[in-house]
C-alpha atoms as a PDB file:
ATOM      1  CA  MET A   1      12.455  -9.112  -6.389  1.00  0.00           C
ATOM      2  CA  ASN A   2      15.001  -7.377  -8.595  1.00  0.00           C
ATOM      3  CA  THR A   3      13.814  -5.974 -11.928  1.00  0.00           C
ATOM      4  CA  GLN A   4      14.245  -3.002 -14.212  1.00  0.00           C
ATOM      5  CA  ARG A   5      10.521  -2.150 -14.295  1.00  0.00           C
ATOM      6  CA  LEU A   6       7.639  -3.279 -12.096  1.00  0.00           C
ATOM      7  CA  SER A   7       4.119  -2.404 -13.221  1.00  0.00           C
ATOM      8  CA  LEU A   8       0.987  -3.279 -11.217  1.00  0.00           C
ATOM      9  CA  SER A   9      -2.590  -2.495 -12.267  1.00  0.00           C
ATOM     10  CA  ASN A  10      -6.235  -3.450 -11.698  1.00  0.00           C
ATOM     11  CA  GLY A  11      -5.706  -4.669  -8.126  1.00  0.00           C
ATOM     12  CA  SER A  12      -2.494  -6.621  -8.729  1.00  0.00           C
ATOM     13  CA  GLN A  13      -0.170  -6.749  -5.724  1.00  0.00           C
ATOM     14  CA  VAL A  14       3.170  -7.974  -4.498  1.00  0.00           C
ATOM     15  CA  GLU A  15       2.093  -8.953  -0.992  1.00  0.00           C
ATOM     16  CA  SER A  16       2.971 -10.938   2.098  1.00  0.00           C
ATOM     17  CA  VAL A  17       0.160 -11.737   4.543  1.00  0.00           C
ATOM     18  CA  ILE A  18      -0.048 -13.529   7.870  1.00  0.00           C
ATOM     19  CA  SER A  19      -3.209 -15.137   9.184  1.00  0.00           C
ATOM     20  CA  GLY A  20      -1.941 -16.742  12.411  1.00  0.00           C
ATOM     21  CA  ALA A  21       0.953 -16.446  14.835  1.00  0.00           C
ATOM     22  CA  GLY A  22       4.507 -15.566  13.870  1.00  0.00           C
ATOM     23  CA  ILE A  23       6.058 -13.046  11.519  1.00  0.00           C
ATOM     24  CA  GLY A  24       5.001 -12.599   7.895  1.00  0.00           C
ATOM     25  CA  GLY A  25       7.501 -12.841   5.081  1.00  0.00           C
ATOM     26  CA  ALA A  26       9.530  -9.821   4.034  1.00  0.00           C
ATOM     27  CA  VAL A  27       8.869  -8.104   0.701  1.00  0.00           C
ATOM     28  CA  THR A  28      11.984  -6.586  -0.859  1.00  0.00           C
ATOM     29  CA  ILE A  29      11.711  -4.775  -4.185  1.00  0.00           C
ATOM     30  CA  GLN A  30      14.610  -3.322  -6.186  1.00  0.00           C
ATOM     31  CA  ALA A  31      13.556  -1.702  -9.469  1.00  0.00           C
ATOM     32  CA  ASP A  32      14.592   1.272 -11.555  1.00  0.00           C
ATOM     33  CA  GLU A  33      10.917   2.114 -12.023  1.00  0.00           C
ATOM     34  CA  ILE A  34       7.792   1.106 -10.090  1.00  0.00           C
ATOM     35  CA  ALA A  35       4.311   2.060 -11.285  1.00  0.00           C
ATOM     36  CA  ALA A  36       1.042   1.025  -9.637  1.00  0.00           C
ATOM     37  CA  PHE A  37      -2.384   2.095 -10.892  1.00  0.00           C
ATOM     38  CA  GLY A  38      -5.963   1.544  -9.810  1.00  0.00           C
ATOM     39  CA  ALA A  39      -7.796  -1.143  -7.922  1.00  0.00           C
ATOM     40  CA  LEU A  40     -10.122  -4.079  -8.469  1.00  0.00           C
ATOM     41  CA  GLN A  41     -13.204  -3.666  -6.285  1.00  0.00           C
ATOM     42  CA  ASP A  42     -11.749  -3.002  -2.779  1.00  0.00           C
ATOM     43  CA  SER A  43      -8.273  -4.304  -3.591  1.00  0.00           C
ATOM     44  CA  PRO A  44      -5.796  -1.563  -4.538  1.00  0.00           C
ATOM     45  CA  SER A  45      -2.768  -2.252  -6.698  1.00  0.00           C
ATOM     46  CA  GLY A  46       0.537  -1.978  -4.866  1.00  0.00           C
ATOM     47  CA  LEU A  47       3.166  -3.371  -2.539  1.00  0.00           C
ATOM     48  CA  ARG A  48       1.940  -4.640   0.839  1.00  0.00           C
ATOM     49  CA  THR A  49       2.623  -6.630   3.978  1.00  0.00           C
ATOM     50  CA  ASP A  50      -0.584  -7.259   5.941  1.00  0.00           C
ATOM     51  CA  VAL A  51      -1.967  -9.033   9.004  1.00  0.00           C
ATOM     52  CA  PHE A  52      -5.392 -10.609   8.502  1.00  0.00           C
ATOM     53  CA  PRO A  53      -8.215 -10.575  11.106  1.00  0.00           C
ATOM     54  CA  GLY A  54      -7.691 -12.998  13.974  1.00  0.00           C
ATOM     55  CA  ALA A  55      -3.921 -13.164  13.505  1.00  0.00           C
ATOM     56  CA  THR A  56      -1.641 -12.555  16.469  1.00  0.00           C
ATOM     57  CA  GLY A  57       1.586 -12.250  14.510  1.00  0.00           C
ATOM     58  CA  ARG A  58       3.380  -9.327  12.934  1.00  0.00           C
ATOM     59  CA  ALA A  59       3.392  -8.255   9.306  1.00  0.00           C
ATOM     60  CA  GLY A  60       6.648  -8.763   7.447  1.00  0.00           C
ATOM     61  CA  ASN A  61       8.898  -5.839   6.609  1.00  0.00           C
ATOM     62  CA  LEU A  62       8.581  -4.009   3.292  1.00  0.00           C
ATOM     63  CA  SER A  63      11.694  -2.554   1.663  1.00  0.00           C
ATOM     64  CA  VAL A  64      11.579  -0.579  -1.602  1.00  0.00           C
ATOM     65  CA  THR A  65      14.557   0.695  -3.600  1.00  0.00           C
ATOM     66  CA  THR A  66      13.702   2.631  -6.769  1.00  0.00           C
ATOM     67  CA  ARG A  67      14.572   5.627  -8.927  1.00  0.00           C
ATOM     68  CA  THR A  68      10.947   6.357  -9.849  1.00  0.00           C
ATOM     69  CA  LEU A  69       7.751   5.507  -7.993  1.00  0.00           C
ATOM     70  CA  THR A  70       4.333   6.323  -9.452  1.00  0.00           C
ATOM     71  CA  LEU A  71       1.132   5.610  -7.477  1.00  0.00           C
ATOM     72  CA  ARG A  72      -2.185   6.602  -9.064  1.00  0.00           C
ATOM     73  CA  ASP A  73      -5.907   5.983  -8.766  1.00  0.00           C
ATOM     74  CA  GLY A  74      -5.808   4.497  -5.264  1.00  0.00           C
ATOM     75  CA  ALA A  75      -2.643   2.389  -5.580  1.00  0.00           C
ATOM     76  CA  GLU A  76      -0.727   1.929  -2.307  1.00  0.00           C
ATOM     77  CA  VAL A  77       2.548   1.001  -0.692  1.00  0.00           C
ATOM     78  CA  GLY A  78       2.026  -0.028   2.916  1.00  0.00           C
ATOM     79  CA  SER A  79       1.559  -2.366   5.823  1.00  0.00           C
ATOM     80  CA  ALA A  80      -1.896  -2.862   7.330  1.00  0.00           C
ATOM     81  CA  VAL A  81      -3.174  -4.622  10.432  1.00  0.00           C
ATOM     82  CA  PHE A  82      -6.721  -5.990  10.506  1.00  0.00           C
ATOM     83  CA  GLY A  83      -6.890  -7.052  14.141  1.00  0.00           C
ATOM     84  CA  ASP A  84      -4.773  -7.263  17.301  1.00  0.00           C
ATOM     85  CA  ALA A  85      -1.245  -7.425  15.886  1.00  0.00           C
ATOM     86  CA  ARG A  86       1.621  -5.229  14.677  1.00  0.00           C
ATOM     87  CA  GLY A  87       2.330  -3.848  11.225  1.00  0.00           C
ATOM     88  CA  GLY A  88       5.623  -4.353   9.458  1.00  0.00           C
ATOM     89  CA  THR A  89       8.434  -1.835   9.082  1.00  0.00           C
ATOM     90  CA  LEU A  90       8.439   0.169   5.850  1.00  0.00           C
ATOM     91  CA  ARG A  91      11.801   1.170   4.404  1.00  0.00           C
ATOM     92  CA  SER A  92      12.439   3.445   1.461  1.00  0.00           C
ATOM     93  CA  MET A  93      15.852   3.552  -0.151  1.00  0.00           C
ATOM     94  CA  PRO A  94      15.398   6.019  -2.993  1.00  0.00           C
ATOM     95  CA  LEU A  95      18.151   6.205  -5.574  1.00  0.00           C
ATOM     96  CA  ASN A  96      16.987   9.683  -6.577  1.00  0.00           C
ATOM     97  CA  PRO A  97      17.293  12.412  -3.897  1.00  0.00           C
ATOM     98  CA  SER A  98      14.004  13.972  -5.055  1.00  0.00           C
ATOM     99  CA  ILE A  99      12.104  10.926  -3.748  1.00  0.00           C
ATOM    100  CA  SER A 100      11.606  10.791  -0.001  1.00  0.00           C
ATOM    101  CA  ALA A 101      10.117   8.329   2.463  1.00  0.00           C
ATOM    102  CA  ALA A 102       6.950  10.442   2.483  1.00  0.00           C
ATOM    103  CA  TRP A 103       5.347   8.149  -0.101  1.00  0.00           C
ATOM    104  CA  LEU A 104       5.471   5.233   2.314  1.00  0.00           C
ATOM    105  CA  ARG A 105       2.819   5.059   4.999  1.00  0.00           C
ATOM    106  CA  GLU A 106       1.559   2.660   7.617  1.00  0.00           C
ATOM    107  CA  ARG A 107      -2.168   2.289   8.114  1.00  0.00           C
ATOM    108  CA  VAL A 108      -3.844   0.498  10.989  1.00  0.00           C
ATOM    109  CA  TYR A 109      -7.444  -0.678  10.648  1.00  0.00           C
ATOM    110  CA  PHE A 110      -9.452  -1.380  13.769  1.00  0.00           C
ATOM    111  CA  PRO A 111     -12.140  -4.069  13.637  1.00  0.00           C
ATOM    112  CA  ARG A 112     -15.682  -3.046  14.491  1.00  0.00           C
END
């Protein structure tokens, strides 16, 4: 996706998920400004590549290029695994030196 401004709120997401075998689709975002705010119930706004429970594949890669990234009220950028699989690679290509890869994180959830 290539856009000047990307705004996500109330649980809206740009997401790639896998629920079986194989590799999930890549999510590539290029935007001058990205803003994500809030959540809807347990679904945070943000950019994601995830592996659903029972899947044996790998989440797709997530690549973000931006000048400004704002995450508030629980919004996320990440790759999550809900089962026995691997998360995707997260890449940050900031256009502004004051932004670092620290805002990207990978979280792994273990089923109970």
